[in-house]
Amino acid sequence: MNFGELSPLRQSLHAPGARDDGSPARAGKRPGHAGNGITHVQSSSDLSDNERRLSFLLKLSDALHVLTDPTAIQVEACRLIGEHLKVDCVRYGEIDGEEYIPRAAYAPANDVDLRRGPVSGLNSFLRDAYRRGEAVAIDDVAVERRFTADERTRLLAVGIAAFLGFMLLKNGQWVGALSLQHKTPRTWTPAEVELTREVAERVWAATERAKAQAAARESENRIRQFGEASSDVLWIRDAKTLRNESITPAFEKIFGFPRERAMADDHLTTWREVILPEDYKVVAAGLDAARRGERVTFEYRIRRPDGDMRWVRSTIFPILDADGKVSRLGGIAHDATEEKTSTARLQVLVSELQHRTRNLVAVIGALSNKTAQECTSLAEFQYVFGERLAAVGRAQAHLSRLADGEKVVFDELLRAELMSHAKSGRVTLAGPRDVPLRNSAVQTFALALHELTTNAVKYGALSRAEGHLEVRWELRPDAGGDQALHVDWRERGVDTAAVPTAAKGGGYGRELIERALPYQLQAKTSYELTADGVHCTITAAIAGISPAQLDEAAAS
């Protein structure tokens, strides 16, 4: 039957009404024909009908119980009741709001149109009966006067001469419909009416069960996929025995031994083997608190079978049974090792930053005082102090760009000071590349190089065309056998007799080299103003150096 074409009748969902011959149609509220005023007396025939009904319902239940697919349940139910009542067509559909959605049909001799359609076109007498929860039986469509002539014609044209229908109401809403159709007039018995109602209810219940089970399986599948994808361990234990019931794959990566071994573990034996003894009390206290119904988070350390130590952050929470008692414990174990390491590193960096900041403030204060003592005017102070601050800034820029474990190298620091003053043929640099300086030495070394460069630009080799600056450096073993950096700064082509007397004295640059470097870096220094220009040497300890750098130093 075309659902859209016969919208007032809607897939054999029918209501009571009078026939053309004056006898009533039936809408059954109980096992019997409604509206005929006859009280039925139970007979042996009635008992036989009841036995057959119960036998059929048992068969139906057995058949539906083993099915898990909602559509398969509906198809099987339509077939069983169709064969049992020997009808020409059975339909089952679901109702979503105002839309009828056909799901299954049984029609051994015909094809069945299963198009969906609206419920809103039902006749008022049909809607009223279905809203009352009544099963509706029409014995003979041809004489049912509550149908219009056009409706009767269309029903008969598609082979519906009699039908029995029932729409399920749940919480005041239509949710499903079961209808039986016959090609010839048929008197529907009270037992058949009641059976239709019961089958509809059972099909709906079995369908909902199957949907709930499918949803549960899908949910479990999503949870399983989530657990398998998670880098954290998700686990469930029996609250009483503490035996594992579920552990996700991340367990093996964090704890270092197979899940199967942990699943077979009872009373935490295997788990306890990897927990550091001094941390086990924290773990035991957390488990006890969760058993009492508390949610707890704590951290502990483990020693994996491969010897690697890891930090684990664990959250444990109670899982309650239907009586509200703690029956299981759920947990999330997170590998917090990297976070712990990062936190410790950050604390070191913060301490280093505080130290550098205090040191930098002290250096700037000292620079300001020394510069003020040397300068004779505010303009001179602004220039000299600005240049010295720029040198400090360049040193800090080098330090701030370092990655973990990296060091500022000497040649890079030297070139940064000289690059704005170097002229072709006037500066010679020679020495091994990438000699690492201690971080604590960078700032003082940078200021020393700045003072030497500034002096060379103002009075020395870089202040005249005939002047030449040569800077050579090499690695030498110190008294303790460690490698030290030796720097030789030599200026030539300078008539020192013409250098102003103030430039020959003990200014800040010379004081920095002769006093600050030995004090702060335990360096050995010399500073001499020769007839040809300044000659300065600095020997200072350096950071660790690789064998390759030693080879390069030897080659240079």
Protein backbone atom coordinates (compact mmCIF):
# COMPACT_ATOMS: atom_id res chain seq x y z
CA MET A 1 0.00 0.00 0.00
CA ASN A 2 1.35 3.41 -0.98
CA PHE A 3 1.70 5.28 2.32
CA GLY A 4 1.81 8.74 0.76
CA GLU A 5 -1.14 8.09 -1.53
CA LEU A 6 -3.42 6.82 1.30
CA SER A 7 -2.40 9.30 3.97
CA PRO A 8 -5.79 9.36 5.76
CA LEU A 9 -5.52 5.60 6.39
CA ARG A 10 -1.81 5.33 7.10
CA GLN A 11 -0.40 1.82 6.74
CA SER A 12 -3.47 0.06 8.25
CA LEU A 13 -3.68 2.06 11.47
CA HIS A 14 -7.44 1.93 11.99
CA ALA A 15 -10.20 3.17 14.25
CA PRO A 16 -13.71 2.03 15.23
CA GLY A 17 -16.78 3.03 13.25
CA ALA A 18 -20.13 1.81 12.02
CA ARG A 19 -20.50 -0.27 8.87
CA ASP A 20 -22.92 0.38 6.06
CA ASP A 21 -24.98 -2.61 7.24
CA GLY A 22 -25.39 -1.02 10.67
CA SER A 23 -23.12 -3.41 12.60
CA PRO A 24 -20.28 -1.85 14.53
CA ALA A 25 -16.62 -1.96 13.69
CA ARG A 26 -14.38 -2.80 16.62
CA ALA A 27 -11.71 -1.02 18.59
CA GLY A 28 -10.54 -3.44 21.24
CA LYS A 29 -9.43 -2.33 24.69
CA ARG A 30 -9.47 -5.89 26.04
CA PRO A 31 -9.61 -9.46 24.67
CA GLY A 32 -13.00 -9.16 22.94
CA HIS A 33 -14.93 -7.10 20.42
CA ALA A 34 -15.64 -3.61 21.70
CA GLY A 35 -19.09 -2.08 21.33
CA ASN A 36 -21.26 -5.15 20.75
CA GLY A 37 -22.59 -5.35 24.34
CA ILE A 38 -22.05 -9.10 24.54
CA THR A 39 -20.40 -10.70 27.57
CA HIS A 40 -18.31 -13.66 26.52
CA VAL A 41 -18.34 -16.83 28.59
CA GLN A 42 -15.02 -18.66 28.75
CA SER A 43 -15.29 -22.06 27.08
CA SER A 44 -12.98 -24.88 26.16
CA SER A 45 -12.50 -23.11 22.83
CA ASP A 46 -11.42 -19.99 24.72
CA LEU A 47 -8.93 -22.06 26.71
CA SER A 48 -7.58 -23.56 23.52
CA ASP A 49 -7.21 -20.07 22.00
CA ASN A 50 -5.38 -18.92 25.11
CA GLU A 51 -3.04 -21.89 25.01
CA ARG A 52 -2.30 -21.23 21.34
CA ARG A 53 -1.71 -17.53 22.15
CA LEU A 54 0.71 -18.33 24.97
CA SER A 55 2.48 -20.90 22.85
CA PHE A 56 2.91 -18.36 20.06
CA LEU A 57 4.16 -15.64 22.41
CA LEU A 58 6.71 -18.08 23.85
CA LYS A 59 7.86 -18.92 20.33
CA LEU A 60 8.07 -15.21 19.52
CA SER A 61 10.12 -14.47 22.62
CA ASP A 62 12.54 -17.30 21.90
CA ALA A 63 12.98 -16.10 18.32
CA LEU A 64 13.53 -12.45 19.22
CA HIS A 65 15.78 -13.14 22.20
CA VAL A 66 18.67 -14.37 20.06
CA LEU A 67 18.51 -11.45 17.61
CA THR A 68 20.60 -8.32 18.13
CA ASP A 69 19.74 -6.27 15.04
CA PRO A 70 16.58 -4.11 15.43
CA THR A 71 15.50 -4.61 11.81
CA ALA A 72 15.98 -8.38 12.03
CA ILE A 73 13.78 -8.42 15.14
CA GLN A 74 11.01 -6.51 13.37
CA VAL A 75 11.20 -8.62 10.20
CA GLU A 76 11.07 -11.88 12.18
CA ALA A 77 8.12 -10.70 14.28
CA CYS A 78 6.16 -9.71 11.16
CA ARG A 79 6.81 -13.12 9.61
CA LEU A 80 5.85 -15.09 12.71
CA ILE A 81 2.55 -13.32 13.36
CA GLY A 82 1.74 -13.29 9.66
CA GLU A 83 2.17 -17.04 9.41
CA HIS A 84 0.41 -17.64 12.73
CA LEU A 85 -2.70 -15.64 11.79
CA LYS A 86 -2.47 -16.47 8.08
CA VAL A 87 -2.82 -12.88 6.91
CA ASP A 88 -1.78 -11.51 3.55
CA CYS A 89 0.42 -8.66 4.84
CA VAL A 90 1.99 -7.50 8.11
CA ARG A 91 3.77 -4.17 8.56
CA TYR A 92 5.79 -2.71 11.40
CA GLY A 93 7.02 0.85 11.52
CA GLU A 94 8.43 3.42 13.92
CA ILE A 95 7.02 6.89 14.45
CA ASP A 96 9.38 9.82 14.92
CA GLY A 97 7.39 12.90 15.82
CA GLU A 98 4.84 13.16 13.02
CA GLU A 99 6.59 10.87 10.57
CA TYR A 100 5.92 7.19 10.03
CA ILE A 101 9.09 5.24 9.15
CA PRO A 102 8.44 1.71 7.80
CA ARG A 103 10.95 -0.83 9.12
CA ALA A 104 9.71 -4.33 8.25
CA ALA A 105 6.97 -6.20 6.41
CA TYR A 106 5.74 -9.72 5.69
CA ALA A 107 3.79 -10.34 2.47
CA PRO A 108 4.55 -13.74 0.94
CA ALA A 109 2.47 -13.14 -2.17
CA ASN A 110 3.11 -9.45 -2.84
CA ASP A 111 5.75 -6.77 -2.89
CA VAL A 112 5.31 -4.22 -0.10
CA ASP A 113 5.71 -0.47 -0.52
CA LEU A 114 7.84 0.73 2.40
CA ARG A 115 7.90 4.46 1.75
CA ARG A 116 7.73 6.75 4.78
CA GLY A 117 5.15 9.47 5.19
CA PRO A 118 3.44 11.87 7.63
CA VAL A 119 0.99 10.75 10.32
CA SER A 120 -0.86 14.05 10.24
CA GLY A 121 -3.27 12.89 7.52
CA LEU A 122 -5.01 10.29 9.68
CA ASN A 123 -8.80 10.62 9.89
CA SER A 124 -10.03 12.05 13.16
CA PHE A 125 -11.75 8.83 14.25
CA LEU A 126 -8.50 6.91 13.66
CA ARG A 127 -6.43 9.43 15.59
CA ASP A 128 -8.88 9.40 18.50
CA ALA A 129 -8.79 5.61 18.80
CA TYR A 130 -5.01 5.44 18.61
CA ARG A 131 -4.59 8.22 21.15
CA ARG A 132 -6.71 6.13 23.54
CA GLY A 133 -4.29 3.24 23.01
CA GLU A 134 -6.90 1.05 21.31
CA ALA A 135 -6.32 -1.66 18.76
CA VAL A 136 -8.56 -1.06 15.76
CA ALA A 137 -10.18 -3.86 13.77
CA ILE A 138 -11.97 -3.36 10.42
CA ASP A 139 -13.60 -6.57 9.18
CA ASP A 140 -14.83 -5.34 5.81
CA VAL A 141 -13.51 -2.14 4.24
CA ALA A 142 -16.15 -2.21 1.53
CA VAL A 143 -19.00 -1.55 4.03
CA GLU A 144 -17.11 0.66 6.53
CA ARG A 145 -19.06 3.92 6.27
CA ARG A 146 -16.55 5.99 8.24
CA PHE A 147 -14.35 5.80 5.20
CA THR A 148 -15.30 7.93 2.26
CA ALA A 149 -16.12 6.18 -0.95
CA ASP A 150 -12.80 7.35 -2.39
CA GLU A 151 -10.90 5.92 0.59
CA ARG A 152 -12.67 2.59 0.34
CA THR A 153 -11.92 2.44 -3.38
CA ARG A 154 -8.24 3.11 -2.89
CA LEU A 155 -7.88 0.56 -0.08
CA LEU A 156 -9.64 -2.14 -2.07
CA ALA A 157 -7.53 -1.27 -5.11
CA VAL A 158 -4.36 -2.19 -3.26
CA GLY A 159 -5.79 -5.40 -1.85
CA ILE A 160 -6.85 -4.26 1.63
CA ALA A 161 -10.31 -5.56 2.38
CA ALA A 162 -9.79 -6.02 6.14
CA PHE A 163 -7.16 -4.85 8.60
CA LEU A 164 -6.18 -4.82 12.26
CA GLY A 165 -3.88 -2.10 13.60
CA PHE A 166 -2.31 -0.89 16.80
CA MET A 167 -0.17 2.19 17.53
CA LEU A 168 2.07 2.16 20.58
CA LEU A 169 1.97 5.09 22.97
CA LYS A 170 4.94 5.78 25.24
CA ASN A 171 4.95 8.84 27.48
CA GLY A 172 2.10 10.29 25.46
CA GLN A 173 3.94 9.93 22.13
CA TRP A 174 3.38 7.48 19.30
CA VAL A 175 6.53 5.41 18.89
CA GLY A 176 5.54 2.45 16.71
CA ALA A 177 2.77 0.77 14.76
CA LEU A 178 1.86 -2.80 13.85
CA SER A 179 -0.82 -3.55 11.25
CA LEU A 180 -2.27 -6.74 9.74
CA GLN A 181 -3.99 -6.68 6.33
CA HIS A 182 -6.14 -9.13 4.43
CA LYS A 183 -7.27 -9.19 0.79
CA THR A 184 -10.75 -10.43 1.65
CA PRO A 185 -13.20 -9.49 4.43
CA ARG A 186 -12.28 -11.16 7.68
CA THR A 187 -13.72 -11.21 11.17
CA TRP A 188 -10.98 -10.43 13.63
CA THR A 189 -11.43 -12.34 16.88
CA PRO A 190 -10.82 -10.81 20.32
CA ALA A 191 -7.84 -13.13 20.71
CA GLU A 192 -6.34 -11.83 17.47
CA VAL A 193 -6.88 -8.23 18.57
CA GLU A 194 -5.19 -8.83 21.90
CA LEU A 195 -2.38 -10.82 20.27
CA THR A 196 -1.68 -7.93 17.88
CA ARG A 197 -1.39 -5.59 20.84
CA GLU A 198 0.98 -7.90 22.70
CA VAL A 199 3.14 -8.54 19.65
CA ALA A 200 3.46 -4.81 19.00
CA GLU A 201 4.54 -4.23 22.58
CA ARG A 202 7.05 -7.08 22.49
CA VAL A 203 8.51 -6.03 19.16
CA TRP A 204 8.97 -2.49 20.46
CA ALA A 205 10.56 -3.72 23.70
CA ALA A 206 12.88 -6.11 21.85
CA THR A 207 13.80 -3.36 19.38
CA GLU A 208 14.62 -0.94 22.18
CA ARG A 209 16.67 -3.63 23.90
CA ALA A 210 18.63 -4.26 20.71
CA LYS A 211 19.16 -0.54 20.17
CA ALA A 212 20.36 -0.10 23.75
CA GLN A 213 22.70 -3.07 23.39
CA ALA A 214 24.02 -1.71 20.08
CA ALA A 215 24.51 1.70 21.68
CA ALA A 216 26.31 0.08 24.60
CA ARG A 217 28.55 -1.88 22.23
CA GLU A 218 29.28 1.26 20.27
CA SER A 219 30.00 3.15 23.46
CA GLU A 220 32.29 0.37 24.67
CA ASN A 221 34.01 0.39 21.30
CA ARG A 222 34.55 4.15 21.47
CA ILE A 223 35.86 3.86 25.02
CA ARG A 224 38.16 1.01 23.93
CA GLN A 225 39.49 3.07 21.01
CA PHE A 226 39.92 6.05 23.32
CA GLY A 227 41.81 3.92 25.82
CA GLU A 228 44.01 2.41 23.13
CA ALA A 229 44.83 5.85 21.71
CA SER A 230 45.46 7.46 25.09
CA SER A 231 49.04 7.97 26.23
CA ASP A 232 47.75 7.61 29.80
CA VAL A 233 46.89 4.28 31.39
CA LEU A 234 43.19 3.79 32.10
CA TRP A 235 42.44 0.94 34.50
CA ILE A 236 39.68 -0.60 36.60
CA ARG A 237 40.20 -2.79 39.69
CA ASP A 238 37.90 -4.75 41.96
CA ALA A 239 37.61 -2.57 45.07
CA LYS A 240 37.75 -5.55 47.42
CA THR A 241 40.47 -7.74 45.92
CA LEU A 242 42.26 -4.98 43.95
CA ARG A 243 42.49 -7.40 41.05
CA ASN A 244 42.77 -5.69 37.66
CA GLU A 245 39.73 -5.97 35.40
CA SER A 246 40.83 -3.65 32.60
CA ILE A 247 44.13 -1.98 31.60
CA THR A 248 44.78 0.04 28.43
CA PRO A 249 47.87 -0.54 26.21
CA ALA A 250 49.77 2.53 27.48
CA PHE A 251 50.55 0.47 30.60
CA GLU A 252 53.36 -1.37 28.85
CA LYS A 253 55.00 1.84 27.65
CA ILE A 254 54.92 3.48 31.08
CA PHE A 255 55.49 0.54 33.44
CA GLY A 256 57.67 -1.53 31.15
CA PHE A 257 56.12 -4.99 31.46
CA PRO A 258 53.22 -6.78 29.67
CA ARG A 259 49.59 -6.02 30.43
CA GLU A 260 48.89 -9.75 30.66
CA ARG A 261 51.17 -10.00 33.67
CA ALA A 262 49.43 -7.07 35.33
CA MET A 263 45.97 -8.54 34.57
CA ALA A 264 47.00 -11.78 36.27
CA ASP A 265 48.34 -9.88 39.26
CA ASP A 266 46.43 -10.13 42.52
CA HIS A 267 46.82 -7.91 45.58
CA LEU A 268 49.23 -5.49 43.77
CA THR A 269 52.15 -7.94 43.85
CA THR A 270 53.58 -7.08 40.42
CA TRP A 271 52.71 -3.40 40.69
CA ARG A 272 54.42 -3.14 44.05
CA GLU A 273 57.63 -4.62 42.63
CA VAL A 274 58.21 -1.56 40.42
CA ILE A 275 57.13 1.13 42.91
CA LEU A 276 60.01 2.67 44.83
CA PRO A 277 59.74 1.41 48.45
CA GLU A 278 59.75 4.92 49.91
CA ASP A 279 56.77 5.87 47.69
CA TYR A 280 54.57 2.83 48.30
CA LYS A 281 52.93 4.36 51.38
CA VAL A 282 51.61 7.18 49.18
CA VAL A 283 50.11 4.64 46.75
CA ALA A 284 48.56 2.54 49.52
CA ALA A 285 47.03 5.62 51.14
CA GLY A 286 45.53 6.67 47.81
CA LEU A 287 43.94 3.26 47.27
CA ASP A 288 42.50 3.23 50.77
CA ALA A 289 41.01 6.70 50.29
CA ALA A 290 39.39 5.68 47.00
CA ARG A 291 37.94 2.57 48.68
CA ARG A 292 36.32 4.93 51.18
CA GLY A 293 34.68 6.82 48.33
CA GLU A 294 37.18 9.64 47.85
CA ARG A 295 38.73 10.88 44.61
CA VAL A 296 42.51 11.25 45.04
CA THR A 297 45.50 12.38 42.97
CA PHE A 298 49.09 11.67 43.98
CA GLU A 299 52.53 11.12 42.49
CA TYR A 300 55.02 8.30 42.96
CA ARG A 301 58.11 6.86 41.32
CA ILE A 302 58.62 3.51 39.65
CA ARG A 303 61.72 1.61 38.61
CA ARG A 304 60.94 -0.20 35.35
CA PRO A 305 62.39 -3.66 34.67
CA ASP A 306 64.89 -2.01 32.27
CA GLY A 307 66.18 0.16 35.14
CA ASP A 308 64.62 3.41 33.95
CA MET A 309 63.01 5.47 36.71
CA ARG A 310 59.74 7.26 35.90
CA TRP A 311 57.42 9.62 37.76
CA VAL A 312 53.73 8.61 37.65
CA ARG A 313 50.84 10.93 38.46
CA SER A 314 47.85 8.78 39.42
CA THR A 315 44.20 9.74 39.82
CA ILE A 316 41.96 7.12 41.48
CA PHE A 317 38.19 7.41 41.89
CA PRO A 318 35.45 5.13 43.26
CA ILE A 319 32.91 3.39 41.00
CA LEU A 320 29.63 2.73 42.81
CA ASP A 321 27.20 -0.15 42.37
CA ALA A 322 23.40 0.09 42.30
CA ASP A 323 23.34 0.29 46.10
CA GLY A 324 25.73 3.22 46.18
CA LYS A 325 28.61 1.14 47.54
CA VAL A 326 32.15 1.24 46.15
CA SER A 327 32.47 -1.89 44.02
CA ARG A 328 35.35 -0.91 41.75
CA LEU A 329 38.16 1.58 41.51
CA GLY A 330 38.91 3.47 38.32
CA GLY A 331 42.27 5.04 37.68
CA ILE A 332 44.28 7.20 35.29
CA ALA A 333 48.06 6.86 35.40
CA HIS A 334 50.03 9.59 33.63
CA ASP A 335 53.77 9.53 32.93
CA ALA A 336 54.85 12.80 34.56
CA THR A 337 58.60 12.29 34.14
CA GLU A 338 59.08 14.93 31.45
CA GLU A 339 56.95 17.39 33.37
CA LYS A 340 58.98 16.82 36.52
CA THR A 341 62.21 17.28 34.56
CA SER A 342 60.89 20.41 32.89
CA THR A 343 59.77 21.83 36.23
CA ALA A 344 63.19 21.20 37.75
CA ARG A 345 64.86 22.75 34.69
CA LEU A 346 62.56 25.73 34.92
CA GLN A 347 63.43 26.23 38.57
CA VAL A 348 67.12 26.22 37.66
CA LEU A 349 66.47 28.71 34.86
CA VAL A 350 64.51 30.99 37.17
CA SER A 351 67.32 30.88 39.73
CA GLU A 352 69.84 31.58 36.97
CA LEU A 353 67.72 34.45 35.69
CA GLN A 354 67.48 35.94 39.16
CA HIS A 355 71.23 35.61 39.58
CA ARG A 356 71.92 37.19 36.19
CA THR A 357 69.48 39.99 36.87
CA ARG A 358 71.13 40.84 40.17
CA ASN A 359 74.52 40.63 38.52
CA LEU A 360 73.42 42.75 35.59
CA VAL A 361 72.05 45.45 37.86
CA ALA A 362 75.34 45.47 39.78
CA VAL A 363 77.36 45.67 36.54
CA ILE A 364 75.28 48.53 35.20
CA GLY A 365 75.62 50.36 38.50
CA ALA A 366 79.40 49.89 38.43
CA LEU A 367 79.55 50.97 34.79
CA SER A 368 77.58 54.08 35.59
CA ASN A 369 79.86 55.02 38.49
CA LYS A 370 83.10 54.35 36.59
CA THR A 371 81.88 56.18 33.51
CA ALA A 372 80.80 59.17 35.57
CA GLN A 373 84.28 59.33 37.17
CA GLU A 374 86.00 59.26 33.77
CA CYS A 375 83.78 61.69 31.85
CA THR A 376 84.05 65.47 32.01
CA SER A 377 80.63 66.28 30.53
CA LEU A 378 77.12 64.91 30.41
CA ALA A 379 77.33 64.45 26.64
CA GLU A 380 80.52 62.39 27.02
CA PHE A 381 78.90 60.34 29.79
CA GLN A 382 75.81 59.64 27.66
CA TYR A 383 77.96 58.43 24.74
CA VAL A 384 80.45 56.29 26.70
CA PHE A 385 77.82 54.84 29.02
CA GLY A 386 75.54 54.06 26.04
CA GLU A 387 78.37 52.22 24.25
CA ARG A 388 79.16 50.17 27.33
CA LEU A 389 75.47 49.31 27.86
CA ALA A 390 75.31 48.22 24.21
CA ALA A 391 78.22 45.85 24.83
CA VAL A 392 76.41 44.38 27.84
CA GLY A 393 73.27 44.08 25.70
CA ARG A 394 75.12 42.17 22.99
CA ALA A 395 76.46 39.74 25.55
CA GLN A 396 72.96 39.21 26.96
CA ALA A 397 71.60 38.69 23.44
CA HIS A 398 74.13 35.90 22.88
CA LEU A 399 73.14 34.27 26.16
CA SER A 400 69.39 34.54 25.54
CA ARG A 401 69.62 32.75 22.19
CA LEU A 402 71.27 29.66 23.64
CA ALA A 403 69.43 26.37 23.65
CA ASP A 404 69.85 23.86 26.47
CA GLY A 405 73.49 22.86 26.85
CA GLU A 406 74.79 25.43 24.33
CA LYS A 407 77.53 27.97 25.08
CA VAL A 408 78.58 31.34 23.69
CA VAL A 409 81.78 30.88 21.65
CA PHE A 410 84.71 33.25 21.80
CA ASP A 411 85.16 34.04 18.10
CA GLU A 412 81.47 34.96 17.79
CA LEU A 413 81.73 37.31 20.76
CA LEU A 414 84.91 38.88 19.38
CA ARG A 415 83.49 39.43 15.90
CA ALA A 416 80.34 41.01 17.36
CA GLU A 417 82.53 43.71 18.96
CA LEU A 418 84.79 44.27 15.98
CA MET A 419 82.36 44.03 13.08
CA SER A 420 81.35 47.70 13.07
CA HIS A 421 85.01 48.88 13.17
CA ALA A 422 86.89 46.36 11.02
CA LYS A 423 88.34 47.64 7.74
CA SER A 424 89.82 45.48 5.04
CA GLY A 425 93.48 44.74 5.77
CA ARG A 426 93.47 46.42 9.18
CA VAL A 427 92.33 43.49 11.36
CA THR A 428 93.72 39.96 11.49
CA LEU A 429 91.88 37.25 13.45
CA ALA A 430 93.38 33.80 13.89
CA GLY A 431 92.34 30.94 16.14
CA PRO A 432 90.14 27.85 16.48
CA ARG A 433 86.43 28.24 15.95
CA ASP A 434 83.69 27.63 18.50
CA VAL A 435 85.73 27.75 21.69
CA PRO A 436 82.99 27.70 24.35
CA LEU A 437 82.99 30.24 27.17
CA ARG A 438 81.46 29.70 30.56
CA ASN A 439 78.13 31.48 30.82
CA SER A 440 79.35 33.29 33.92
CA ALA A 441 82.34 34.66 31.96
CA VAL A 442 80.53 35.96 28.89
CA GLN A 443 79.48 39.35 30.22
CA THR A 444 82.87 40.25 31.70
CA PHE A 445 84.70 38.95 28.62
CA ALA A 446 82.39 41.00 26.39
CA LEU A 447 83.07 44.19 28.39
CA ALA A 448 86.84 43.55 28.22
CA LEU A 449 86.71 43.11 24.44
CA HIS A 450 84.51 46.21 24.17
CA GLU A 451 87.00 48.33 26.15
CA LEU A 452 89.92 47.07 24.05
CA THR A 453 88.00 47.76 20.83
CA THR A 454 86.85 51.19 21.95
CA ASN A 455 90.40 52.15 22.93
CA ALA A 456 91.71 50.90 19.57
CA VAL A 457 89.08 52.92 17.70
CA LYS A 458 89.69 56.13 19.67
CA TYR A 459 93.48 56.05 20.19
CA GLY A 460 94.94 52.84 18.86
CA ALA A 461 95.39 50.78 15.72
CA LEU A 462 91.85 51.36 14.40
CA SER A 463 92.11 55.15 14.75
CA ARG A 464 94.59 55.64 11.92
CA ALA A 465 95.15 54.32 8.40
CA GLU A 466 98.59 52.85 9.09
CA GLY A 467 97.41 50.96 12.17
CA HIS A 468 96.80 47.22 12.31
CA LEU A 469 95.13 45.00 14.90
CA GLU A 470 96.00 41.33 15.26
CA VAL A 471 94.05 39.05 17.59
CA ARG A 472 95.19 35.47 17.99
CA TRP A 473 93.82 32.83 20.34
CA GLU A 474 94.62 29.23 21.12
CA LEU A 475 93.91 26.49 23.63
CA ARG A 476 96.55 25.76 26.25
CA PRO A 477 96.52 23.32 29.16
CA ASP A 478 96.40 25.04 32.52
CA ALA A 479 98.17 23.95 35.70
CA GLY A 480 95.48 21.39 36.42
CA GLY A 481 95.65 19.85 32.93
CA ASP A 482 92.34 21.39 31.76
CA GLN A 483 92.10 23.44 28.60
CA ALA A 484 92.26 27.23 28.89
CA LEU A 485 91.74 29.93 26.28
CA HIS A 486 94.75 32.16 25.65
CA VAL A 487 94.02 35.43 23.80
CA ASP A 488 96.76 37.67 22.41
CA TRP A 489 95.62 41.20 21.45
CA ARG A 490 98.34 43.16 19.67
CA GLU A 491 98.12 46.59 18.03
CA ARG A 492 100.77 47.93 15.63
CA GLY A 493 101.39 51.15 13.76
CA VAL A 494 100.52 53.37 16.70
CA ASP A 495 102.74 56.27 17.80
CA THR A 496 102.13 55.91 21.51
CA ALA A 497 104.06 59.08 22.18
CA ALA A 498 101.27 61.02 20.49
CA VAL A 499 98.51 59.27 22.46
CA PRO A 500 96.89 61.62 25.02
CA THR A 501 98.17 61.16 28.54
CA ALA A 502 94.69 60.28 29.84
CA ALA A 503 94.47 57.38 27.41
CA LYS A 504 97.73 55.90 28.71
CA GLY A 505 96.61 55.80 32.33
CA GLY A 506 94.54 53.34 34.30
CA GLY A 507 91.01 53.82 32.85
CA TYR A 508 88.04 51.50 33.32
CA GLY A 509 89.10 49.20 30.47
CA ARG A 510 92.54 48.57 31.92
CA GLU A 511 91.10 48.14 35.41
CA LEU A 512 88.57 45.62 34.06
CA ILE A 513 91.32 43.58 32.41
CA GLU A 514 93.91 43.73 35.16
CA ARG A 515 91.58 43.41 38.16
CA ALA A 516 88.03 42.26 37.28
CA LEU A 517 89.00 39.37 34.97
CA PRO A 518 91.43 37.80 37.45
CA TYR A 519 88.95 38.27 40.29
CA GLN A 520 85.78 37.08 38.56
CA LEU A 521 87.18 34.48 36.14
CA GLN A 522 90.48 33.55 37.84
CA ALA A 523 92.08 34.69 34.59
CA LYS A 524 95.71 35.57 34.05
CA THR A 525 96.07 38.90 32.23
CA SER A 526 98.68 41.40 31.09
CA TYR A 527 98.27 44.88 29.67
CA GLU A 528 101.18 46.82 28.19
CA LEU A 529 101.33 50.04 26.20
CA THR A 530 104.36 49.44 23.94
CA ALA A 531 105.97 51.91 21.60
CA ASP A 532 104.00 50.38 18.75
CA GLY A 533 100.59 50.06 20.52
CA VAL A 534 98.67 48.09 23.12
CA HIS A 535 99.63 44.49 23.81
CA CYS A 536 97.18 42.56 26.01
CA THR A 537 96.96 38.88 26.90
CA ILE A 538 94.17 37.01 28.66
CA THR A 539 94.22 33.37 29.75
CA ALA A 540 90.95 32.05 31.19
CA ALA A 541 89.25 28.73 31.85
CA ILE A 542 86.61 27.67 29.38
CA ALA A 543 83.62 25.33 29.26
CA GLY A 544 83.99 21.68 28.22
CA ILE A 545 85.53 21.20 24.77
CA SER A 546 85.30 18.31 22.34
CA PRO A 547 88.24 16.29 20.95
CA ALA A 548 87.45 17.71 17.49
CA GLN A 549 87.91 21.24 18.76
CA LEU A 550 91.20 20.24 20.34
CA ASP A 551 92.34 18.83 16.99
CA GLU A 552 91.29 22.04 15.23
CA ALA A 553 93.10 24.11 17.85
CA ALA A 554 96.24 22.05 17.35
CA ALA A 555 96.02 22.42 13.58
CA SER A 556 95.55 26.17 13.78
